[in-house]
PDB file of N, CA and C in Angstrom:
ATOM      1  N   MET A   1      -0.682   5.400 -26.258  1.00  0.00           N
ATOM      2  CA  MET A   1      -1.821   4.759 -26.295  1.00  0.00           C
ATOM      3  C   MET A   1      -2.664   5.390 -26.760  1.00  0.00           C
ATOM      4  N   SER A   2      -3.735   5.292 -28.135  1.00  0.00           N
ATOM      5  CA  SER A   2      -4.725   5.678 -28.323  1.00  0.00           C
ATOM      6  C   SER A   2      -5.942   5.639 -27.770  1.00  0.00           C
ATOM      7  N   THR A   3      -6.832   6.722 -27.973  1.00  0.00           N
ATOM      8  CA  THR A   3      -8.022   7.366 -27.273  1.00  0.00           C
ATOM      9  C   THR A   3      -9.123   5.835 -27.146  1.00  0.00           C
ATOM     10  N   THR A   4      -9.374   5.386 -27.708  1.00  0.00           N
ATOM     11  CA  THR A   4     -10.139   4.334 -28.015  1.00  0.00           C
ATOM     12  C   THR A   4      -9.460   3.125 -26.902  1.00  0.00           C
ATOM     13  N   ILE A   5      -8.477   2.917 -26.974  1.00  0.00           N
ATOM     14  CA  ILE A   5      -7.759   1.681 -25.844  1.00  0.00           C
ATOM     15  C   ILE A   5      -8.285   2.671 -24.386  1.00  0.00           C
ATOM     16  N   ARG A   6      -7.683   3.922 -24.374  1.00  0.00           N
ATOM     17  CA  ARG A   6      -8.086   4.644 -22.914  1.00  0.00           C
ATOM     18  C   ARG A   6      -9.433   3.960 -22.551  1.00  0.00           C
ATOM     19  N   ILE A   7     -10.525   4.504 -23.703  1.00  0.00           N
ATOM     20  CA  ILE A   7     -11.599   4.626 -23.006  1.00  0.00           C
ATOM     21  C   ILE A   7     -11.926   3.409 -22.845  1.00  0.00           C
ATOM     22  N   ALA A   8     -11.809   2.361 -23.395  1.00  0.00           N
ATOM     23  CA  ALA A   8     -11.760   0.775 -23.663  1.00  0.00           C
ATOM     24  C   ALA A   8     -11.311   0.304 -21.860  1.00  0.00           C
ATOM     25  N   LEU A   9     -10.260   0.711 -21.905  1.00  0.00           N
ATOM     26  CA  LEU A   9     -10.001   0.542 -20.382  1.00  0.00           C
ATOM     27  C   LEU A   9     -10.228   0.731 -19.450  1.00  0.00           C
ATOM     28  N   ILE A  10     -10.305   2.350 -19.328  1.00  0.00           N
ATOM     29  CA  ILE A  10     -11.426   2.460 -18.461  1.00  0.00           C
ATOM     30  C   ILE A  10     -13.002   2.081 -18.181  1.00  0.00           C
ATOM     31  N   PHE A  11     -13.231   2.090 -19.129  1.00  0.00           N
ATOM     32  CA  PHE A  11     -14.906   1.495 -19.151  1.00  0.00           C
ATOM     33  C   PHE A  11     -14.775  -0.323 -18.539  1.00  0.00           C
ATOM     34  N   PHE A  12     -13.746  -0.752 -18.908  1.00  0.00           N
ATOM     35  CA  PHE A  12     -13.968  -2.371 -18.573  1.00  0.00           C
ATOM     36  C   PHE A  12     -13.608  -2.367 -16.935  1.00  0.00           C
ATOM     37  N   THR A  13     -12.452  -1.571 -16.759  1.00  0.00           N
ATOM     38  CA  THR A  13     -11.779  -1.244 -15.122  1.00  0.00           C
ATOM     39  C   THR A  13     -13.332  -1.016 -14.758  1.00  0.00           C
ATOM     40  N   PHE A  14     -13.862   0.013 -14.893  1.00  0.00           N
ATOM     41  CA  PHE A  14     -15.035   0.204 -14.020  1.00  0.00           C
ATOM     42  C   PHE A  14     -16.509  -1.005 -14.218  1.00  0.00           C
ATOM     43  N   LEU A  15     -16.159  -1.859 -14.970  1.00  0.00           N
ATOM     44  CA  LEU A  15     -17.229  -2.668 -15.621  1.00  0.00           C
ATOM     45  C   LEU A  15     -16.967  -4.107 -14.531  1.00  0.00           C
ATOM     46  N   THR A  16     -15.443  -4.174 -13.987  1.00  0.00           N
ATOM     47  CA  THR A  16     -15.047  -4.841 -13.329  1.00  0.00           C
ATOM     48  C   THR A  16     -15.243  -4.506 -11.240  1.00  0.00           C
ATOM     49  N   PHE A  17     -14.858  -3.331 -11.501  1.00  0.00           N
ATOM     50  CA  PHE A  17     -14.812  -2.774  -9.988  1.00  0.00           C
ATOM     51  C   PHE A  17     -16.490  -3.173  -9.946  1.00  0.00           C
ATOM     52  N   PHE A  18     -17.460  -2.267 -10.450  1.00  0.00           N
ATOM     53  CA  PHE A  18     -19.182  -3.104 -10.414  1.00  0.00           C
ATOM     54  C   PHE A  18     -19.201  -4.424 -10.230  1.00  0.00           C
ATOM     55  N   ILE A  19     -18.558  -5.203 -10.959  1.00  0.00           N
ATOM     56  CA  ILE A  19     -18.679  -6.804 -10.806  1.00  0.00           C
ATOM     57  C   ILE A  19     -18.485  -7.118  -9.503  1.00  0.00           C
ATOM     58  N   PHE A  20     -17.138  -6.612  -8.309  1.00  0.00           N
ATOM     59  CA  PHE A  20     -16.523  -6.967  -7.760  1.00  0.00           C
ATOM     60  C   PHE A  20     -17.685  -6.652  -6.110  1.00  0.00           C
ATOM     61  N   LEU A  21     -18.009  -5.306  -6.724  1.00  0.00           N
ATOM     62  CA  LEU A  21     -18.877  -4.610  -5.647  1.00  0.00           C
ATOM     63  C   LEU A  21     -20.462  -5.334  -5.249  1.00  0.00           C
ATOM     64  N   HIS A  22     -21.011  -6.186  -7.057  1.00  0.00           N
ATOM     65  CA  HIS A  22     -21.535  -6.727  -6.351  1.00  0.00           C
ATOM     66  C   HIS A  22     -21.585  -8.097  -6.027  1.00  0.00           C
ATOM     67  N   PHE A  23     -20.584  -8.710  -6.073  1.00  0.00           N
ATOM     68  CA  PHE A  23     -20.055 -10.031  -5.124  1.00  0.00           C
ATOM     69  C   PHE A  23     -19.616  -9.772  -4.210  1.00  0.00           C
ATOM     70  N   ILE A  24     -19.440  -8.565  -3.491  1.00  0.00           N
ATOM     71  CA  ILE A  24     -19.040  -8.525  -2.121  1.00  0.00           C
ATOM     72  C   ILE A  24     -20.570  -8.288  -1.213  1.00  0.00           C
ATOM     73  N   ARG A  25     -21.668  -7.258  -2.006  1.00  0.00           N
ATOM     74  CA  ARG A  25     -22.894  -7.347  -2.089  1.00  0.00           C
ATOM     75  C   ARG A  25     -23.807  -8.612  -1.339  1.00  0.00           C
ATOM     76  N   LYS A  26     -22.983  -9.486  -2.130  1.00  0.00           N
ATOM     77  CA  LYS A  26     -24.153 -10.544  -2.396  1.00  0.00           C
ATOM     78  C   LYS A  26     -23.221 -11.441  -1.494  1.00  0.00           C
ATOM     79  N   PHE A  27     -22.311 -11.185  -0.959  1.00  0.00           N
ATOM     80  CA  PHE A  27     -21.628 -11.916   0.435  1.00  0.00           C
ATOM     81  C   PHE A  27     -21.054 -13.379  -0.669  1.00  0.00           C
ATOM     82  N   LYS A  28     -20.471 -13.145  -1.523  1.00  0.00           N
ATOM     83  CA  LYS A  28     -19.856 -14.293  -2.599  1.00  0.00           C
ATOM     84  C   LYS A  28     -18.479 -13.863  -2.596  1.00  0.00           C
ATOM     85  N   LEU A  29     -17.916 -12.880  -1.618  1.00  0.00           N
ATOM     86  CA  LEU A  29     -16.507 -12.310  -2.408  1.00  0.00           C
ATOM     87  C   LEU A  29     -16.648 -11.409  -0.609  1.00  0.00           C
ATOM     88  N   ASN A  30     -15.195 -12.207   0.236  1.00  0.00           N
ATOM     89  CA  ASN A  30     -14.523 -11.697   1.119  1.00  0.00           C
ATOM     90  C   ASN A  30     -14.141  -9.911   0.894  1.00  0.00           C
ATOM     91  N   ILE A  31     -14.511  -9.440   1.701  1.00  0.00           N
ATOM     92  CA  ILE A  31     -14.012  -7.947   1.458  1.00  0.00           C
ATOM     93  C   ILE A  31     -12.266  -7.852   1.289  1.00  0.00           C
ATOM     94  N   LYS A  32     -12.062  -8.448   2.608  1.00  0.00           N
ATOM     95  CA  LYS A  32     -10.155  -9.028   2.541  1.00  0.00           C
ATOM     96  C   LYS A  32      -9.743  -9.207   1.227  1.00  0.00           C
ATOM     97  N   TYR A  33     -10.260  -9.923   0.651  1.00  0.00           N
ATOM     98  CA  TYR A  33      -9.703 -10.626  -0.562  1.00  0.00           C
ATOM     99  C   TYR A  33      -9.728  -9.700  -1.529  1.00  0.00           C
ATOM    100  N   SER A  34     -11.391  -8.867  -1.637  1.00  0.00           N
ATOM    101  CA  SER A  34     -11.430  -8.212  -3.059  1.00  0.00           C
ATOM    102  C   SER A  34     -10.687  -7.014  -2.825  1.00  0.00           C
ATOM    103  N   ILE A  35     -10.419  -6.308  -1.557  1.00  0.00           N
ATOM    104  CA  ILE A  35      -9.345  -4.926  -1.870  1.00  0.00           C
ATOM    105  C   ILE A  35      -8.265  -5.097  -2.593  1.00  0.00           C
ATOM    106  N   LEU A  36      -7.536  -5.977  -2.165  1.00  0.00           N
ATOM    107  CA  LEU A  36      -6.378  -6.150  -3.606  1.00  0.00           C
ATOM    108  C   LEU A  36      -6.860  -5.723  -5.210  1.00  0.00           C
ATOM    109  N   TRP A  37      -7.934  -6.188  -5.345  1.00  0.00           N
ATOM    110  CA  TRP A  37      -8.637  -6.158  -6.930  1.00  0.00           C
ATOM    111  C   TRP A  37      -9.289  -4.955  -7.390  1.00  0.00           C
ATOM    112  N   ILE A  38      -9.745  -4.460  -6.066  1.00  0.00           N
ATOM    113  CA  ILE A  38      -9.992  -3.587  -6.346  1.00  0.00           C
ATOM    114  C   ILE A  38      -9.177  -2.178  -6.226  1.00  0.00           C
ATOM    115  N   LEU A  39      -7.603  -2.165  -5.554  1.00  0.00           N
ATOM    116  CA  LEU A  39      -6.630  -1.186  -6.058  1.00  0.00           C
ATOM    117  C   LEU A  39      -5.919  -1.550  -7.043  1.00  0.00           C
ATOM    118  N   ILE A  40      -6.377  -2.843  -7.876  1.00  0.00           N
ATOM    119  CA  ILE A  40      -5.453  -2.866  -8.699  1.00  0.00           C
ATOM    120  C   ILE A  40      -6.021  -2.324  -9.809  1.00  0.00           C
ATOM    121  N   ALA A  41      -7.743  -2.756 -10.176  1.00  0.00           N
ATOM    122  CA  ALA A  41      -8.782  -1.685 -10.877  1.00  0.00           C
ATOM    123  C   ALA A  41      -8.806  -0.192 -10.654  1.00  0.00           C
ATOM    124  N   LEU A  42      -8.236   0.359 -10.088  1.00  0.00           N
ATOM    125  CA  LEU A  42      -7.823   1.584  -9.601  1.00  0.00           C
ATOM    126  C   LEU A  42      -6.954   1.795 -10.361  1.00  0.00           C
ATOM    127  N   LEU A  43      -5.507   1.184  -9.996  1.00  0.00           N
ATOM    128  CA  LEU A  43      -4.361   1.261 -10.573  1.00  0.00           C
ATOM    129  C   LEU A  43      -4.515   1.589 -12.039  1.00  0.00           C
ATOM    130  N   LEU A  44      -5.559   0.558 -13.099  1.00  0.00           N
ATOM    131  CA  LEU A  44      -6.054   0.453 -14.241  1.00  0.00           C
ATOM    132  C   LEU A  44      -6.433   1.752 -14.816  1.00  0.00           C
ATOM    133  N   VAL A  45      -7.654   2.226 -13.704  1.00  0.00           N
ATOM    134  CA  VAL A  45      -7.871   3.464 -14.576  1.00  0.00           C
ATOM    135  C   VAL A  45      -7.234   4.456 -14.517  1.00  0.00           C
ATOM    136  N   PHE A  46      -6.021   4.641 -13.601  1.00  0.00           N
ATOM    137  CA  PHE A  46      -5.075   5.710 -13.168  1.00  0.00           C
ATOM    138  C   PHE A  46      -4.493   5.624 -14.258  1.00  0.00           C
ATOM    139  N   LEU A  47      -3.794   4.175 -15.410  1.00  0.00           N
ATOM    140  CA  LEU A  47      -2.949   3.993 -15.786  1.00  0.00           C
ATOM    141  C   LEU A  47      -4.025   4.405 -17.581  1.00  0.00           C
ATOM    142  N   GLY A  48      -5.413   4.395 -17.182  1.00  0.00           N
ATOM    143  CA  GLY A  48      -6.355   4.611 -18.833  1.00  0.00           C
ATOM    144  C   GLY A  48      -5.904   6.507 -18.461  1.00  0.00           C
ATOM    145  N   ILE A  49      -6.590   6.820 -17.229  1.00  0.00           N
ATOM    146  CA  ILE A  49      -6.508   8.512 -17.001  1.00  0.00           C
ATOM    147  C   ILE A  49      -4.958   8.958 -17.769  1.00  0.00           C
ATOM    148  N   PHE A  50      -3.840   8.886 -16.817  1.00  0.00           N
ATOM    149  CA  PHE A  50      -2.870   9.288 -17.002  1.00  0.00           C
ATOM    150  C   PHE A  50      -1.720   8.444 -17.856  1.00  0.00           C
ATOM    151  N   PRO A  51      -1.486   7.854 -19.286  1.00  0.00           N
ATOM    152  CA  PRO A  51      -0.634   6.786 -19.529  1.00  0.00           C
ATOM    153  C   PRO A  51       0.336   7.534 -20.094  1.00  0.00           C
ATOM    154  N   GLU A  52       0.499   9.190 -20.275  1.00  0.00           N
ATOM    155  CA  GLU A  52       2.075   9.363 -19.784  1.00  0.00           C
ATOM    156  C   GLU A  52       2.597   9.367 -19.118  1.00  0.00           C
ATOM    157  N   LEU A  53       1.938   9.391 -17.353  1.00  0.00           N
ATOM    158  CA  LEU A  53       2.861   9.238 -16.294  1.00  0.00           C
ATOM    159  C   LEU A  53       3.913   7.849 -16.118  1.00  0.00           C
ATOM    160  N   PHE A  54       3.043   6.943 -17.284  1.00  0.00           N
ATOM    161  CA  PHE A  54       3.599   5.259 -16.723  1.00  0.00           C
ATOM    162  C   PHE A  54       4.654   5.208 -17.473  1.00  0.00           C
ATOM    163  N   ILE A  55       4.604   6.124 -18.969  1.00  0.00           N
ATOM    164  CA  ILE A  55       5.815   5.982 -20.061  1.00  0.00           C
ATOM    165  C   ILE A  55       6.972   7.141 -19.750  1.00  0.00           C
ATOM    166  N   ILE A  56       6.565   7.721 -18.526  1.00  0.00           N
ATOM    167  CA  ILE A  56       7.603   8.616 -18.012  1.00  0.00           C
ATOM    168  C   ILE A  56       8.210   7.942 -17.299  1.00  0.00           C
ATOM    169  N   ILE A  57       7.631   7.169 -16.100  1.00  0.00           N
ATOM    170  CA  ILE A  57       7.728   6.722 -14.694  1.00  0.00           C
ATOM    171  C   ILE A  57       9.279   5.377 -15.721  1.00  0.00           C
ATOM    172  N   SER A  58       8.656   4.539 -16.693  1.00  0.00           N
ATOM    173  CA  SER A  58       9.009   3.515 -17.364  1.00  0.00           C
ATOM    174  C   SER A  58      10.886   4.075 -17.788  1.00  0.00           C
ATOM    175  N   TYR A  59      10.606   4.765 -18.478  1.00  0.00           N
ATOM    176  CA  TYR A  59      11.598   5.245 -18.888  1.00  0.00           C
ATOM    177  C   TYR A  59      12.694   5.956 -17.900  1.00  0.00           C
ATOM    178  N   LYS A  60      12.653   6.813 -16.504  1.00  0.00           N
ATOM    179  CA  LYS A  60      13.103   7.026 -15.832  1.00  0.00           C
ATOM    180  C   LYS A  60      14.177   5.495 -14.636  1.00  0.00           C
ATOM    181  N   ILE A  61      13.398   4.775 -14.901  1.00  0.00           N
ATOM    182  CA  ILE A  61      13.578   3.321 -14.123  1.00  0.00           C
ATOM    183  C   ILE A  61      14.614   3.032 -14.924  1.00  0.00           C
ATOM    184  N   GLY A  62      14.725   2.805 -16.414  1.00  0.00           N
ATOM    185  CA  GLY A  62      15.417   2.153 -17.469  1.00  0.00           C
ATOM    186  C   GLY A  62      14.775   1.357 -18.532  1.00  0.00           C
ATOM    187  N   PHE A  63      13.231   1.166 -18.449  1.00  0.00           N
ATOM    188  CA  PHE A  63      13.208  -0.150 -19.022  1.00  0.00           C
ATOM    189  C   PHE A  63      12.504   0.891 -20.757  1.00  0.00           C
ATOM    190  N   LEU A  64      12.956  -0.004 -21.781  1.00  0.00           N
ATOM    191  CA  LEU A  64      12.668   0.456 -22.569  1.00  0.00           C
ATOM    192  C   LEU A  64      11.348   0.746 -23.245  1.00  0.00           C
ATOM    193  N   SER A  65      10.437  -0.316 -23.026  1.00  0.00           N
ATOM    194  CA  SER A  65       9.594  -0.064 -23.194  1.00  0.00           C
ATOM    195  C   SER A  65       8.288  -0.096 -21.932  1.00  0.00           C
ATOM    196  N   THR A  66       7.333   0.728 -22.104  1.00  0.00           N
ATOM    197  CA  THR A  66       6.186   1.288 -21.034  1.00  0.00           C
ATOM    198  C   THR A  66       5.594  -0.663 -21.010  1.00  0.00           C
ATOM    199  N   VAL A  67       5.520  -1.239 -21.868  1.00  0.00           N
ATOM    200  CA  VAL A  67       4.788  -2.295 -21.181  1.00  0.00           C
ATOM    201  C   VAL A  67       5.292  -3.394 -20.811  1.00  0.00           C
ATOM    202  N   ASN A  68       7.076  -3.362 -21.254  1.00  0.00           N
ATOM    203  CA  ASN A  68       7.594  -3.975 -20.025  1.00  0.00           C
ATOM    204  C   ASN A  68       7.548  -3.681 -18.768  1.00  0.00           C
ATOM    205  N   MET A  69       7.623  -2.457 -18.358  1.00  0.00           N
ATOM    206  CA  MET A  69       7.138  -2.159 -17.344  1.00  0.00           C
ATOM    207  C   MET A  69       6.003  -2.798 -16.731  1.00  0.00           C
ATOM    208  N   ILE A  70       5.067  -2.599 -17.367  1.00  0.00           N
ATOM    209  CA  ILE A  70       3.275  -2.934 -16.401  1.00  0.00           C
ATOM    210  C   ILE A  70       3.663  -4.593 -16.504  1.00  0.00           C
ATOM    211  N   TYR A  71       3.942  -5.407 -17.685  1.00  0.00           N
ATOM    212  CA  TYR A  71       3.716  -6.747 -17.285  1.00  0.00           C
ATOM    213  C   TYR A  71       4.773  -7.143 -16.060  1.00  0.00           C
ATOM    214  N   LEU A  72       6.101  -6.028 -15.469  1.00  0.00           N
ATOM    215  CA  LEU A  72       6.500  -6.707 -14.500  1.00  0.00           C
ATOM    216  C   LEU A  72       5.706  -6.358 -13.479  1.00  0.00           C
ATOM    217  N   ILE A  73       4.677  -5.000 -13.184  1.00  0.00           N
ATOM    218  CA  ILE A  73       3.688  -4.853 -12.345  1.00  0.00           C
ATOM    219  C   ILE A  73       3.124  -5.922 -11.936  1.00  0.00           C
ATOM    220  N   ILE A  74       2.086  -6.276 -13.184  1.00  0.00           N
ATOM    221  CA  ILE A  74       1.013  -7.020 -13.212  1.00  0.00           C
ATOM    222  C   ILE A  74       1.722  -8.568 -12.567  1.00  0.00           C
ATOM    223  N   ILE A  75       3.101  -9.351 -13.201  1.00  0.00           N
ATOM    224  CA  ILE A  75       3.590 -10.008 -12.372  1.00  0.00           C
ATOM    225  C   ILE A  75       3.985 -10.240 -10.773  1.00  0.00           C
ATOM    226  N   PHE A  76       4.632  -9.214 -10.745  1.00  0.00           N
ATOM    227  CA  PHE A  76       4.801  -9.112  -9.084  1.00  0.00           C
ATOM    228  C   PHE A  76       3.003  -8.543  -8.162  1.00  0.00           C
ATOM    229  N   ILE A  77       2.658  -8.515  -8.361  1.00  0.00           N
ATOM    230  CA  ILE A  77       1.267  -8.440  -8.395  1.00  0.00           C
ATOM    231  C   ILE A  77       0.765  -9.666  -8.195  1.00  0.00           C
ATOM    232  N   LEU A  78       0.635 -10.317  -9.044  1.00  0.00           N
ATOM    233  CA  LEU A  78       0.408 -11.875  -8.946  1.00  0.00           C
ATOM    234  C   LEU A  78       1.006 -12.834  -8.101  1.00  0.00           C
ATOM    235  N   ILE A  79       2.205 -12.359  -8.334  1.00  0.00           N
ATOM    236  CA  ILE A  79       3.021 -13.385  -7.183  1.00  0.00           C
ATOM    237  C   ILE A  79       2.556 -13.610  -5.884  1.00  0.00           C
ATOM    238  N   CYS A  80       2.370 -11.578  -5.530  1.00  0.00           N
ATOM    239  CA  CYS A  80       1.929 -11.676  -4.213  1.00  0.00           C
ATOM    240  C   CYS A  80       0.679 -12.441  -4.030  1.00  0.00           C
ATOM    241  N   ILE A  81      -0.391 -12.336  -4.740  1.00  0.00           N
ATOM    242  CA  ILE A  81      -1.787 -12.500  -4.593  1.00  0.00           C
ATOM    243  C   ILE A  81      -1.087 -14.222  -4.049  1.00  0.00           C
ATOM    244  N   VAL A  82      -0.825 -15.050  -5.170  1.00  0.00           N
ATOM    245  CA  VAL A  82      -0.400 -16.256  -4.815  1.00  0.00           C
ATOM    246  C   VAL A  82       0.499 -16.635  -3.356  1.00  0.00           C
ATOM    247  N   PHE A  83       1.295 -15.858  -3.268  1.00  0.00           N
ATOM    248  CA  PHE A  83       1.657 -16.132  -1.502  1.00  0.00           C
ATOM    249  C   PHE A  83       1.111 -15.471  -1.094  1.00  0.00           C
ATOM    250  N   TYR A  84       0.078 -14.959  -0.816  1.00  0.00           N
ATOM    251  CA  TYR A  84      -1.497 -14.236   0.152  1.00  0.00           C
ATOM    252  C   TYR A  84      -2.184 -15.282   0.679  1.00  0.00           C
ATOM    253  N   LEU A  85      -2.737 -16.125  -0.551  1.00  0.00           N
ATOM    254  CA  LEU A  85      -3.683 -16.747  -0.612  1.00  0.00           C
ATOM    255  C   LEU A  85      -3.204 -18.278  -0.020  1.00  0.00           C
ATOM    256  N   THR A  86      -1.995 -18.777  -0.511  1.00  0.00           N
ATOM    257  CA  THR A  86      -1.040 -19.880  -0.067  1.00  0.00           C
ATOM    258  C   THR A  86      -0.784 -19.846   1.498  1.00  0.00           C
ATOM    259  N   ILE A  87      -0.803 -18.220   2.001  1.00  0.00           N
ATOM    260  CA  ILE A  87      -0.696 -18.004   3.569  1.00  0.00           C
ATOM    261  C   ILE A  87      -2.172 -18.448   4.322  1.00  0.00           C
ATOM    262  N   ASN A  88      -3.031 -18.187   3.406  1.00  0.00           N
ATOM    263  CA  ASN A  88      -4.420 -18.088   4.141  1.00  0.00           C
ATOM    264  C   ASN A  88      -4.764 -19.633   4.038  1.00  0.00           C
ATOM    265  N   LEU A  89      -4.307 -20.483   2.524  1.00  0.00           N
ATOM    266  CA  LEU A  89      -4.617 -21.588   2.696  1.00  0.00           C
ATOM    267  C   LEU A  89      -4.625 -22.377   3.581  1.00  0.00           C
ATOM    268  N   SER A  90      -2.786 -22.420   4.379  1.00  0.00           N
ATOM    269  CA  SER A  90      -2.144 -23.007   4.766  1.00  0.00           C
ATOM    270  C   SER A  90      -2.819 -22.818   6.662  1.00  0.00           C
ATOM    271  N   SER A  91      -3.400 -21.610   6.758  1.00  0.00           N
ATOM    272  CA  SER A  91      -4.241 -21.428   7.830  1.00  0.00           C
ATOM    273  C   SER A  91      -5.143 -21.928   8.083  1.00  0.00           C
ATOM    274  N   LEU A  92      -6.086 -21.994   7.325  1.00  0.00           N
ATOM    275  CA  LEU A  92      -7.272 -22.806   7.092  1.00  0.00           C
ATOM    276  C   LEU A  92      -7.121 -24.308   7.571  1.00  0.00           C
ATOM    277  N   GLU A  93      -6.136 -25.068   6.649  1.00  0.00           N
ATOM    278  CA  GLU A  93      -5.821 -25.955   6.800  1.00  0.00           C
ATOM    279  C   GLU A  93      -5.777 -26.398   8.596  1.00  0.00           C
ATOM    280  N   GLU A  94      -5.181 -25.879   8.671  1.00  0.00           N
ATOM    281  CA  GLU A  94      -4.640 -26.105  10.505  1.00  0.00           C
ATOM    282  C   GLU A  94      -5.786 -25.520  11.666  1.00  0.00           C
ATOM    283  N   LYS A  95      -6.423 -24.773  10.846  1.00  0.00           N
ATOM    284  CA  LYS A  95      -8.032 -24.850  11.544  1.00  0.00           C
ATOM    285  C   LYS A  95      -8.748 -25.565  11.659  1.00  0.00           C
ATOM    286  N   LEU A  96      -8.977 -26.735  10.351  1.00  0.00           N
ATOM    287  CA  LEU A  96      -9.671 -27.650   9.667  1.00  0.00           C
ATOM    288  C   LEU A  96      -9.072 -28.992  10.746  1.00  0.00           C
ATOM    289  N   LYS A  97      -7.795 -29.092  10.372  1.00  0.00           N
ATOM    290  CA  LYS A  97      -7.177 -30.215  11.298  1.00  0.00           C
ATOM    291  C   LYS A  97      -7.610 -30.450  12.914  1.00  0.00           C
ATOM    292  N   ILE A  98      -7.913 -28.826  13.439  1.00  0.00           N
ATOM    293  CA  ILE A  98      -8.096 -28.941  14.727  1.00  0.00           C
ATOM    294  C   ILE A  98      -9.504 -29.166  14.838  1.00  0.00           C
ATOM    295  N   ALA A  99     -10.326 -28.447  14.147  1.00  0.00           N
ATOM    296  CA  ALA A  99     -11.527 -28.512  14.291  1.00  0.00           C
ATOM    297  C   ALA A  99     -12.024 -30.119  13.861  1.00  0.00           C
ATOM    298  N   ILE A 100     -11.451 -31.026  13.334  1.00  0.00           N
ATOM    299  CA  ILE A 100     -11.717 -32.300  13.223  1.00  0.00           C
ATOM    300  C   ILE A 100     -11.101 -32.994  14.331  1.00  0.00           C
ATOM    301  N   PHE A 101     -10.041 -32.540  14.918  1.00  0.00           N
ATOM    302  CA  PHE A 101      -9.935 -33.328  16.021  1.00  0.00           C
ATOM    303  C   PHE A 101     -11.089 -32.917  17.285  1.00  0.00           C
ATOM    304  N   GLU A 102     -10.967 -31.689  17.104  1.00  0.00           N
ATOM    305  CA  GLU A 102     -11.695 -32.022  18.413  1.00  0.00           C
ATOM    306  C   GLU A 102     -13.616 -32.440  18.210  1.00  0.00           C
ATOM    307  N   ILE A 103     -13.919 -32.251  17.125  1.00  0.00           N
ATOM    308  CA  ILE A 103     -14.954 -33.387  16.559  1.00  0.00           C
ATOM    309  C   ILE A 103     -14.669 -34.430  16.940  1.00  0.00           C
ATOM    310  N   ALA A 104     -13.878 -35.065  16.575  1.00  0.00           N
ATOM    311  CA  ALA A 104     -13.238 -36.687  17.025  1.00  0.00           C
ATOM    312  C   ALA A 104     -13.226 -36.551  18.743  1.00  0.00           C
ATOM    313  N   LEU A 105     -12.774 -35.900  18.977  1.00  0.00           N
ATOM    314  CA  LEU A 105     -12.905 -36.082  20.806  1.00  0.00           C
ATOM    315  C   LEU A 105     -14.565 -35.764  20.945  1.00  0.00           C
ATOM    316  N   MET A 106     -15.421 -35.108  20.769  1.00  0.00           N
ATOM    317  CA  MET A 106     -16.600 -35.042  21.291  1.00  0.00           C
ATOM    318  C   MET A 106     -16.960 -35.933  20.954  1.00  0.00           C
ATOM    319  N   LYS A 107     -17.358 -37.057  19.642  1.00  0.00           N
ATOM    320  CA  LYS A 107     -17.795 -37.797  19.417  1.00  0.00           C
ATOM    321  C   LYS A 107     -17.244 -39.126  20.493  1.00  0.00           C
ATOM    322  N   LYS A 108     -16.096 -38.928  20.689  1.00  0.00           N
ATOM    323  CA  LYS A 108     -15.666 -40.141  21.454  1.00  0.00           C
ATOM    324  C   LYS A 108     -16.419 -40.159  22.496  1.00  0.00           C
ATOM    325  N   GLU A 109     -16.307 -38.754  23.421  1.00  0.00           N
ATOM    326  CA  GLU A 109     -17.057 -38.485  24.730  1.00  0.00           C
ATOM    327  C   GLU A 109     -18.546 -38.556  24.630  1.00  0.00           C
ATOM    328  N   LEU A 110     -19.396 -38.462  23.796  1.00  0.00           N
ATOM    329  CA  LEU A 110     -20.882 -38.579  23.467  1.00  0.00           C
ATOM    330  C   LEU A 110     -20.847 -40.371  23.742  1.00  0.00           C
ATOM    331  N   GLU A 111     -20.138 -41.027  22.672  1.00  0.00           N
ATOM    332  CA  GLU A 111     -20.376 -42.577  22.835  1.00  0.00           C
ATOM    333  C   GLU A 111     -19.851 -42.878  23.933  1.00  0.00           C
ATOM    334  N   GLU A 112     -19.451 -42.827  24.969  1.00  0.00           N
ATOM    335  CA  GLU A 112     -18.535 -43.187  26.279  1.00  0.00           C
ATOM    336  C   GLU A 112     -19.714 -43.009  26.864  1.00  0.00           C
ATOM    337  N   ASN A 113     -20.130 -41.048  26.786  1.00  0.00           N
ATOM    338  CA  ASN A 113     -21.538 -41.536  27.942  1.00  0.00           C
ATOM    339  C   ASN A 113     -22.987 -42.494  27.120  1.00  0.00           C
ATOM    340  N   LYS A 114     -22.941 -42.608  26.643  1.00  0.00           N
ATOM    341  CA  LYS A 114     -23.928 -43.408  26.064  1.00  0.00           C
ATOM    342  C   LYS A 114     -23.583 -45.093  26.553  1.00  0.00           C
ATOM    343  N   ARG A 115     -22.478 -45.066  26.387  1.00  0.00           N
ATOM    344  CA  ARG A 115     -22.300 -46.504  26.663  1.00  0.00           C
ATOM    345  C   ARG A 115     -22.236 -46.916  28.605  1.00  0.00           C
ATOM    346  N   LYS A 116     -22.053 -45.642  29.129  1.00  0.00           N
ATOM    347  CA  LYS A 116     -22.182 -45.290  30.651  1.00  0.00           C
ATOM    348  C   LYS A 116     -23.845 -45.787  31.018  1.00  0.00           C
ATOM    349  N   ASP A 117     -24.399 -45.030  29.960  1.00  0.00           N
ATOM    350  CA  ASP A 117     -25.957 -44.690  30.637  1.00  0.00           C
ATOM    351  C   ASP A 117     -26.424 -46.056  30.760  1.00  0.00           C
TER     352      ASP A 117
END
């Protein structure tokens, strides 16, 4: 990996990291969702600083190209993120359904109370 690419990778990773921190401070991004992205950013900084380590690991595992290993890791991480977000979405849908039922019951009770008065 050339020095220019390493410097660009580290620079843009830190830029992304500070953008995440900005969104966390402005309460537009929940911390539990940003932790994984911050860990990915740290992994990219590590990759930019020590690219030889990834080359050695990829060849020890059996990859012919380091890029293939990095692509596999990125695809695995993205699949995990999608799965995690799907679980959260299902949970939120269930909570929304319960909230709608509760609101409907409260509305019905209010209408019944108004009729009695």
